[in-house]
Amino acid sequence: MNGLDRIQAQFNHLADTYFKDFDFDLGERELGLVLSLDHDLDVYASSMGLTKTAVEAILIDEGGVSSGIYLLY
């Protein structure tokens, strides 16, 4: 066991000891999950936007898309 594992085990023990039957913990965990999902969706949307922009730029550079034609997305 290295130092980080010992620290994690100590925090788990303290959490089990002092926060057992603590009603607010569930709400905090749910909020954490919602924020994590929101972050994942933001990252997904931004990566899709970047991919769309990159594909459009490549197609315009190659002359595959004229000014009056828009890509379907």
PDB file of N, CA and C in Angstrom:
ATOM      1  N   MET A   1       0.836  -1.176   0.000  1.00  0.00           N
ATOM      2  CA  MET A   1       0.000   0.000   0.000  1.00  0.00           C
ATOM      3  C   MET A   1       0.882   1.241   0.000  1.00  0.00           C
ATOM      4  N   ASN A   2       0.643   2.119  -0.934  1.00  0.00           N
ATOM      5  CA  ASN A   2       1.436   3.344  -0.941  1.00  0.00           C
ATOM      6  C   ASN A   2       0.734   4.436  -0.130  1.00  0.00           C
ATOM      7  N   GLY A   3       1.337   5.607  -0.089  1.00  0.00           N
ATOM      8  CA  GLY A   3       0.817   6.691   0.736  1.00  0.00           C
ATOM      9  C   GLY A   3      -0.571   7.140   0.338  1.00  0.00           C
ATOM     10  N   LEU A   4      -0.843   7.210  -0.978  1.00  0.00           N
ATOM     11  CA  LEU A   4      -2.164   7.659  -1.434  1.00  0.00           C
ATOM     12  C   LEU A   4      -3.262   6.684  -1.053  1.00  0.00           C
ATOM     13  N   ASP A   5      -2.946   5.392  -1.116  1.00  0.00           N
ATOM     14  CA  ASP A   5      -3.943   4.392  -0.715  1.00  0.00           C
ATOM     15  C   ASP A   5      -4.267   4.505   0.776  1.00  0.00           C
ATOM     16  N   ARG A   6      -3.240   4.773   1.585  1.00  0.00           N
ATOM     17  CA  ARG A   6      -3.472   4.930   3.026  1.00  0.00           C
ATOM     18  C   ARG A   6      -4.318   6.159   3.318  1.00  0.00           C
ATOM     19  N   ILE A   7      -4.020   7.258   2.623  1.00  0.00           N
ATOM     20  CA  ILE A   7      -4.804   8.483   2.835  1.00  0.00           C
ATOM     21  C   ILE A   7      -6.249   8.261   2.415  1.00  0.00           C
ATOM     22  N   GLN A   8      -6.452   7.580   1.270  1.00  0.00           N
ATOM     23  CA  GLN A   8      -7.817   7.296   0.809  1.00  0.00           C
ATOM     24  C   GLN A   8      -8.550   6.401   1.802  1.00  0.00           C
ATOM     25  N   ALA A   9      -7.861   5.393   2.324  1.00  0.00           N
ATOM     26  CA  ALA A   9      -8.484   4.504   3.314  1.00  0.00           C
ATOM     27  C   ALA A   9      -8.847   5.276   4.587  1.00  0.00           C
ATOM     28  N   GLN A  10      -7.976   6.203   4.989  1.00  0.00           N
ATOM     29  CA  GLN A  10      -8.269   6.998   6.182  1.00  0.00           C
ATOM     30  C   GLN A  10      -9.480   7.906   5.951  1.00  0.00           C
ATOM     31  N   PHE A  11      -9.561   8.543   4.772  1.00  0.00           N
ATOM     32  CA  PHE A  11     -10.726   9.373   4.465  1.00  0.00           C
ATOM     33  C   PHE A  11     -12.004   8.544   4.406  1.00  0.00           C
ATOM     34  N   ASN A  12     -11.922   7.354   3.821  1.00  0.00           N
ATOM     35  CA  ASN A  12     -13.103   6.477   3.779  1.00  0.00           C
ATOM     36  C   ASN A  12     -13.542   6.105   5.200  1.00  0.00           C
ATOM     37  N   HIS A  13     -12.581   5.794   6.050  1.00  0.00           N
ATOM     38  CA  HIS A  13     -12.913   5.446   7.437  1.00  0.00           C
ATOM     39  C   HIS A  13     -13.559   6.637   8.154  1.00  0.00           C
ATOM     40  N   LEU A  14     -12.993   7.824   7.982  1.00  0.00           N
ATOM     41  CA  LEU A  14     -13.573   9.008   8.626  1.00  0.00           C
ATOM     42  C   LEU A  14     -14.973   9.295   8.092  1.00  0.00           C
ATOM     43  N   ALA A  15     -15.164   9.150   6.789  1.00  0.00           N
ATOM     44  CA  ALA A  15     -16.482   9.386   6.209  1.00  0.00           C
ATOM     45  C   ALA A  15     -17.496   8.382   6.739  1.00  0.00           C
ATOM     46  N   ASP A  16     -17.094   7.102   6.830  1.00  0.00           N
ATOM     47  CA  ASP A  16     -18.004   6.085   7.364  1.00  0.00           C
ATOM     48  C   ASP A  16     -18.327   6.340   8.833  1.00  0.00           C
ATOM     49  N   THR A  17     -17.343   6.823   9.566  1.00  0.00           N
ATOM     50  CA  THR A  17     -17.534   7.045  11.006  1.00  0.00           C
ATOM     51  C   THR A  17     -18.412   8.259  11.288  1.00  0.00           C
ATOM     52  N   TYR A  18     -18.117   9.377  10.648  1.00  0.00           N
ATOM     53  CA  TYR A  18     -18.783  10.628  11.001  1.00  0.00           C
ATOM     54  C   TYR A  18     -20.008  10.963  10.154  1.00  0.00           C
ATOM     55  N   PHE A  19     -20.097  10.391   8.962  1.00  0.00           N
ATOM     56  CA  PHE A  19     -21.210  10.742   8.083  1.00  0.00           C
ATOM     57  C   PHE A  19     -22.191   9.602   7.882  1.00  0.00           C
ATOM     58  N   LYS A  20     -22.143   8.589   8.736  1.00  0.00           N
ATOM     59  CA  LYS A  20     -23.099   7.488   8.645  1.00  0.00           C
ATOM     60  C   LYS A  20     -24.495   8.025   8.947  1.00  0.00           C
ATOM     61  N   ASP A  21     -25.465   7.648   8.154  1.00  0.00           N
ATOM     62  CA  ASP A  21     -26.851   8.107   8.283  1.00  0.00           C
ATOM     63  C   ASP A  21     -26.959   9.623   8.145  1.00  0.00           C
ATOM     64  N   PHE A  22     -26.115  10.203   7.349  1.00  0.00           N
ATOM     65  CA  PHE A  22     -26.138  11.644   7.097  1.00  0.00           C
ATOM     66  C   PHE A  22     -27.018  11.884   5.877  1.00  0.00           C
ATOM     67  N   ASP A  23     -28.172  12.510   6.062  1.00  0.00           N
ATOM     68  CA  ASP A  23     -29.170  12.633   5.006  1.00  0.00           C
ATOM     69  C   ASP A  23     -28.734  13.536   3.855  1.00  0.00           C
ATOM     70  N   PHE A  24     -27.877  14.492   4.107  1.00  0.00           N
ATOM     71  CA  PHE A  24     -27.515  15.448   3.073  1.00  0.00           C
ATOM     72  C   PHE A  24     -26.488  14.896   2.091  1.00  0.00           C
ATOM     73  N   ASP A  25     -25.856  13.796   2.423  1.00  0.00           N
ATOM     74  CA  ASP A  25     -24.837  13.222   1.554  1.00  0.00           C
ATOM     75  C   ASP A  25     -25.431  12.788   0.216  1.00  0.00           C
ATOM     76  N   LEU A  26     -26.632  12.239   0.238  1.00  0.00           N
ATOM     77  CA  LEU A  26     -27.273  11.785  -0.991  1.00  0.00           C
ATOM     78  C   LEU A  26     -27.523  12.952  -1.938  1.00  0.00           C
ATOM     79  N   GLY A  27     -27.988  14.060  -1.422  1.00  0.00           N
ATOM     80  CA  GLY A  27     -28.211  15.234  -2.260  1.00  0.00           C
ATOM     81  C   GLY A  27     -26.923  15.763  -2.867  1.00  0.00           C
ATOM     82  N   GLU A  28     -25.855  15.760  -2.097  1.00  0.00           N
ATOM     83  CA  GLU A  28     -24.571  16.221  -2.602  1.00  0.00           C
ATOM     84  C   GLU A  28     -24.053  15.296  -3.698  1.00  0.00           C
ATOM     85  N   ARG A  29     -24.241  13.998  -3.513  1.00  0.00           N
ATOM     86  CA  ARG A  29     -23.803  13.046  -4.549  1.00  0.00           C
ATOM     87  C   ARG A  29     -24.627  13.204  -5.817  1.00  0.00           C
ATOM     88  N   GLU A  30     -25.939  13.404  -5.660  1.00  0.00           N
ATOM     89  CA  GLU A  30     -26.782  13.613  -6.837  1.00  0.00           C
ATOM     90  C   GLU A  30     -26.386  14.886  -7.573  1.00  0.00           C
ATOM     91  N   LEU A  31     -26.105  15.947  -6.825  1.00  0.00           N
ATOM     92  CA  LEU A  31     -25.658  17.188  -7.444  1.00  0.00           C
ATOM     93  C   LEU A  31     -24.338  16.976  -8.180  1.00  0.00           C
ATOM     94  N   GLY A  32     -23.443  16.218  -7.600  1.00  0.00           N
ATOM     95  CA  GLY A  32     -22.175  15.910  -8.254  1.00  0.00           C
ATOM     96  C   GLY A  32     -22.378  15.144  -9.545  1.00  0.00           C
ATOM     97  N   LEU A  33     -23.301  14.192  -9.533  1.00  0.00           N
ATOM     98  CA  LEU A  33     -23.582  13.422 -10.751  1.00  0.00           C
ATOM     99  C   LEU A  33     -24.191  14.301 -11.835  1.00  0.00           C
ATOM    100  N   VAL A  34     -25.092  15.193 -11.453  1.00  0.00           N
ATOM    101  CA  VAL A  34     -25.718  16.089 -12.424  1.00  0.00           C
ATOM    102  C   VAL A  34     -24.686  17.035 -13.020  1.00  0.00           C
ATOM    103  N   LEU A  35     -23.814  17.576 -12.186  1.00  0.00           N
ATOM    104  CA  LEU A  35     -22.768  18.463 -12.698  1.00  0.00           C
ATOM    105  C   LEU A  35     -21.806  17.714 -13.610  1.00  0.00           C
ATOM    106  N   SER A  36     -21.514  16.467 -13.282  1.00  0.00           N
ATOM    107  CA  SER A  36     -20.641  15.656 -14.130  1.00  0.00           C
ATOM    108  C   SER A  36     -21.298  15.387 -15.478  1.00  0.00           C
ATOM    109  N   LEU A  37     -22.588  15.072 -15.472  1.00  0.00           N
ATOM    110  CA  LEU A  37     -23.309  14.851 -16.721  1.00  0.00           C
ATOM    111  C   LEU A  37     -23.352  16.124 -17.559  1.00  0.00           C
ATOM    112  N   ASP A  38     -23.596  17.264 -16.913  1.00  0.00           N
ATOM    113  CA  ASP A  38     -23.615  18.541 -17.617  1.00  0.00           C
ATOM    114  C   ASP A  38     -22.262  18.819 -18.265  1.00  0.00           C
ATOM    115  N   HIS A  39     -21.192  18.547 -17.546  1.00  0.00           N
ATOM    116  CA  HIS A  39     -19.850  18.752 -18.088  1.00  0.00           C
ATOM    117  C   HIS A  39     -19.613  17.828 -19.285  1.00  0.00           C
ATOM    118  N   ASP A  40     -20.020  16.559 -19.163  1.00  0.00           N
ATOM    119  CA  ASP A  40     -19.844  15.623 -20.267  1.00  0.00           C
ATOM    120  C   ASP A  40     -20.610  16.067 -21.506  1.00  0.00           C
ATOM    121  N   LEU A  41     -21.825  16.558 -21.317  1.00  0.00           N
ATOM    122  CA  LEU A  41     -22.610  17.034 -22.460  1.00  0.00           C
ATOM    123  C   LEU A  41     -21.982  18.272 -23.087  1.00  0.00           C
ATOM    124  N   ASP A  42     -21.437  19.173 -22.275  1.00  0.00           N
ATOM    125  CA  ASP A  42     -20.750  20.348 -22.806  1.00  0.00           C
ATOM    126  C   ASP A  42     -19.537  19.958 -23.630  1.00  0.00           C
ATOM    127  N   VAL A  43     -18.756  19.004 -23.125  1.00  0.00           N
ATOM    128  CA  VAL A  43     -17.570  18.554 -23.853  1.00  0.00           C
ATOM    129  C   VAL A  43     -17.983  17.887 -25.162  1.00  0.00           C
ATOM    130  N   TYR A  44     -19.035  17.074 -25.135  1.00  0.00           N
ATOM    131  CA  TYR A  44     -19.513  16.415 -26.345  1.00  0.00           C
ATOM    132  C   TYR A  44     -19.984  17.444 -27.370  1.00  0.00           C
ATOM    133  N   ALA A  45     -20.771  18.417 -26.937  1.00  0.00           N
ATOM    134  CA  ALA A  45     -21.278  19.433 -27.867  1.00  0.00           C
ATOM    135  C   ALA A  45     -20.145  20.262 -28.455  1.00  0.00           C
ATOM    136  N   SER A  46     -19.172  20.618 -27.649  1.00  0.00           N
ATOM    137  CA  SER A  46     -18.062  21.423 -28.171  1.00  0.00           C
ATOM    138  C   SER A  46     -17.202  20.613 -29.131  1.00  0.00           C
ATOM    139  N   SER A  47     -17.000  19.334 -28.859  1.00  0.00           N
ATOM    140  CA  SER A  47     -16.205  18.517 -29.783  1.00  0.00           C
ATOM    141  C   SER A  47     -16.944  18.293 -31.093  1.00  0.00           C
ATOM    142  N   MET A  48     -18.271  18.157 -31.036  1.00  0.00           N
ATOM    143  CA  MET A  48     -19.035  18.016 -32.278  1.00  0.00           C
ATOM    144  C   MET A  48     -18.998  19.314 -33.080  1.00  0.00           C
ATOM    145  N   GLY A  49     -19.071  20.457 -32.412  1.00  0.00           N
ATOM    146  CA  GLY A  49     -18.975  21.742 -33.101  1.00  0.00           C
ATOM    147  C   GLY A  49     -17.614  21.927 -33.747  1.00  0.00           C
ATOM    148  N   LEU A  50     -16.552  21.541 -33.039  1.00  0.00           N
ATOM    149  CA  LEU A  50     -15.209  21.637 -33.606  1.00  0.00           C
ATOM    150  C   LEU A  50     -15.057  20.709 -34.803  1.00  0.00           C
ATOM    151  N   THR A  51     -15.591  19.505 -34.716  1.00  0.00           N
ATOM    152  CA  THR A  51     -15.516  18.563 -35.831  1.00  0.00           C
ATOM    153  C   THR A  51     -16.270  19.101 -37.037  1.00  0.00           C
ATOM    154  N   LYS A  52     -17.454  19.652 -36.833  1.00  0.00           N
ATOM    155  CA  LYS A  52     -18.243  20.229 -37.923  1.00  0.00           C
ATOM    156  C   LYS A  52     -17.484  21.359 -38.602  1.00  0.00           C
ATOM    157  N   THR A  53     -16.900  22.242 -37.797  1.00  0.00           N
ATOM    158  CA  THR A  53     -16.153  23.368 -38.343  1.00  0.00           C
ATOM    159  C   THR A  53     -14.935  22.888 -39.131  1.00  0.00           C
ATOM    160  N   ALA A  54     -14.235  21.883 -38.618  1.00  0.00           N
ATOM    161  CA  ALA A  54     -13.053  21.363 -39.297  1.00  0.00           C
ATOM    162  C   ALA A  54     -13.426  20.709 -40.622  1.00  0.00           C
ATOM    163  N   VAL A  55     -14.513  19.932 -40.640  1.00  0.00           N
ATOM    164  CA  VAL A  55     -14.947  19.283 -41.889  1.00  0.00           C
ATOM    165  C   VAL A  55     -15.381  20.329 -42.903  1.00  0.00           C
ATOM    166  N   GLU A  56     -16.113  21.338 -42.473  1.00  0.00           N
ATOM    167  CA  GLU A  56     -16.518  22.402 -43.394  1.00  0.00           C
ATOM    168  C   GLU A  56     -15.308  23.118 -43.974  1.00  0.00           C
ATOM    169  N   ALA A  57     -14.317  23.401 -43.136  1.00  0.00           N
ATOM    170  CA  ALA A  57     -13.117  24.093 -43.612  1.00  0.00           C
ATOM    171  C   ALA A  57     -12.362  23.241 -44.623  1.00  0.00           C
ATOM    172  N   ILE A  58     -12.267  21.945 -44.387  1.00  0.00           N
ATOM    173  CA  ILE A  58     -11.575  21.059 -45.323  1.00  0.00           C
ATOM    174  C   ILE A  58     -12.320  20.999 -46.648  1.00  0.00           C
ATOM    175  N   LEU A  59     -13.638  20.876 -46.587  1.00  0.00           N
ATOM    176  CA  LEU A  59     -14.415  20.791 -47.820  1.00  0.00           C
ATOM    177  C   LEU A  59     -14.371  22.100 -48.605  1.00  0.00           C
ATOM    178  N   ILE A  60     -14.388  23.219 -47.910  1.00  0.00           N
ATOM    179  CA  ILE A  60     -14.314  24.510 -48.606  1.00  0.00           C
ATOM    180  C   ILE A  60     -12.936  24.686 -49.229  1.00  0.00           C
ATOM    181  N   ASP A  61     -11.872  24.276 -48.527  1.00  0.00           N
ATOM    182  CA  ASP A  61     -10.514  24.377 -49.062  1.00  0.00           C
ATOM    183  C   ASP A  61     -10.340  23.517 -50.304  1.00  0.00           C
ATOM    184  N   GLU A  62     -10.998  22.382 -50.344  1.00  0.00           N
ATOM    185  CA  GLU A  62     -10.890  21.486 -51.495  1.00  0.00           C
ATOM    186  C   GLU A  62     -11.867  21.860 -52.603  1.00  0.00           C
ATOM    187  N   GLY A  63     -12.690  22.857 -52.384  1.00  0.00           N
ATOM    188  CA  GLY A  63     -13.643  23.276 -53.396  1.00  0.00           C
ATOM    189  C   GLY A  63     -14.877  22.395 -53.470  1.00  0.00           C
ATOM    190  N   GLY A  64     -15.115  21.590 -52.465  1.00  0.00           N
ATOM    191  CA  GLY A  64     -16.247  20.675 -52.477  1.00  0.00           C
ATOM    192  C   GLY A  64     -17.560  21.320 -52.094  1.00  0.00           C
ATOM    193  N   VAL A  65     -17.516  22.490 -51.493  1.00  0.00           N
ATOM    194  CA  VAL A  65     -18.737  23.163 -51.068  1.00  0.00           C
ATOM    195  C   VAL A  65     -18.703  24.566 -51.650  1.00  0.00           C
ATOM    196  N   SER A  66     -19.727  24.889 -52.425  1.00  0.00           N
ATOM    197  CA  SER A  66     -19.798  26.241 -52.950  1.00  0.00           C
ATOM    198  C   SER A  66     -20.467  27.152 -51.932  1.00  0.00           C
ATOM    199  N   SER A  67     -20.495  28.431 -52.207  1.00  0.00           N
ATOM    200  CA  SER A  67     -21.013  29.374 -51.211  1.00  0.00           C
ATOM    201  C   SER A  67     -22.502  29.225 -50.971  1.00  0.00           C
ATOM    202  N   GLY A  68     -23.266  28.681 -51.904  1.00  0.00           N
ATOM    203  CA  GLY A  68     -24.707  28.558 -51.731  1.00  0.00           C
ATOM    204  C   GLY A  68     -25.159  27.236 -51.165  1.00  0.00           C
ATOM    205  N   ILE A  69     -24.281  26.289 -50.961  1.00  0.00           N
ATOM    206  CA  ILE A  69     -24.634  24.958 -50.478  1.00  0.00           C
ATOM    207  C   ILE A  69     -24.149  24.825 -49.040  1.00  0.00           C
ATOM    208  N   TYR A  70     -25.035  24.329 -48.171  1.00  0.00           N
ATOM    209  CA  TYR A  70     -24.692  24.149 -46.774  1.00  0.00           C
ATOM    210  C   TYR A  70     -24.624  22.665 -46.467  1.00  0.00           C
ATOM    211  N   LEU A  71     -23.750  22.320 -45.575  1.00  0.00           N
ATOM    212  CA  LEU A  71     -23.642  20.935 -45.155  1.00  0.00           C
ATOM    213  C   LEU A  71     -24.856  20.544 -44.305  1.00  0.00           C
ATOM    214  N   LEU A  72     -25.284  19.316 -44.435  1.00  0.00           N
ATOM    215  CA  LEU A  72     -26.359  18.812 -43.583  1.00  0.00           C
ATOM    216  C   LEU A  72     -25.757  18.299 -42.301  1.00  0.00           C
ATOM    217  N   TYR A  73     -26.315  18.695 -41.190  1.00  0.00           N
ATOM    218  CA  TYR A  73     -25.835  18.213 -39.900  1.00  0.00           C
ATOM    219  C   TYR A  73     -26.939  18.097 -38.927  1.00  0.00           C
TER     220      TYR A  73
END
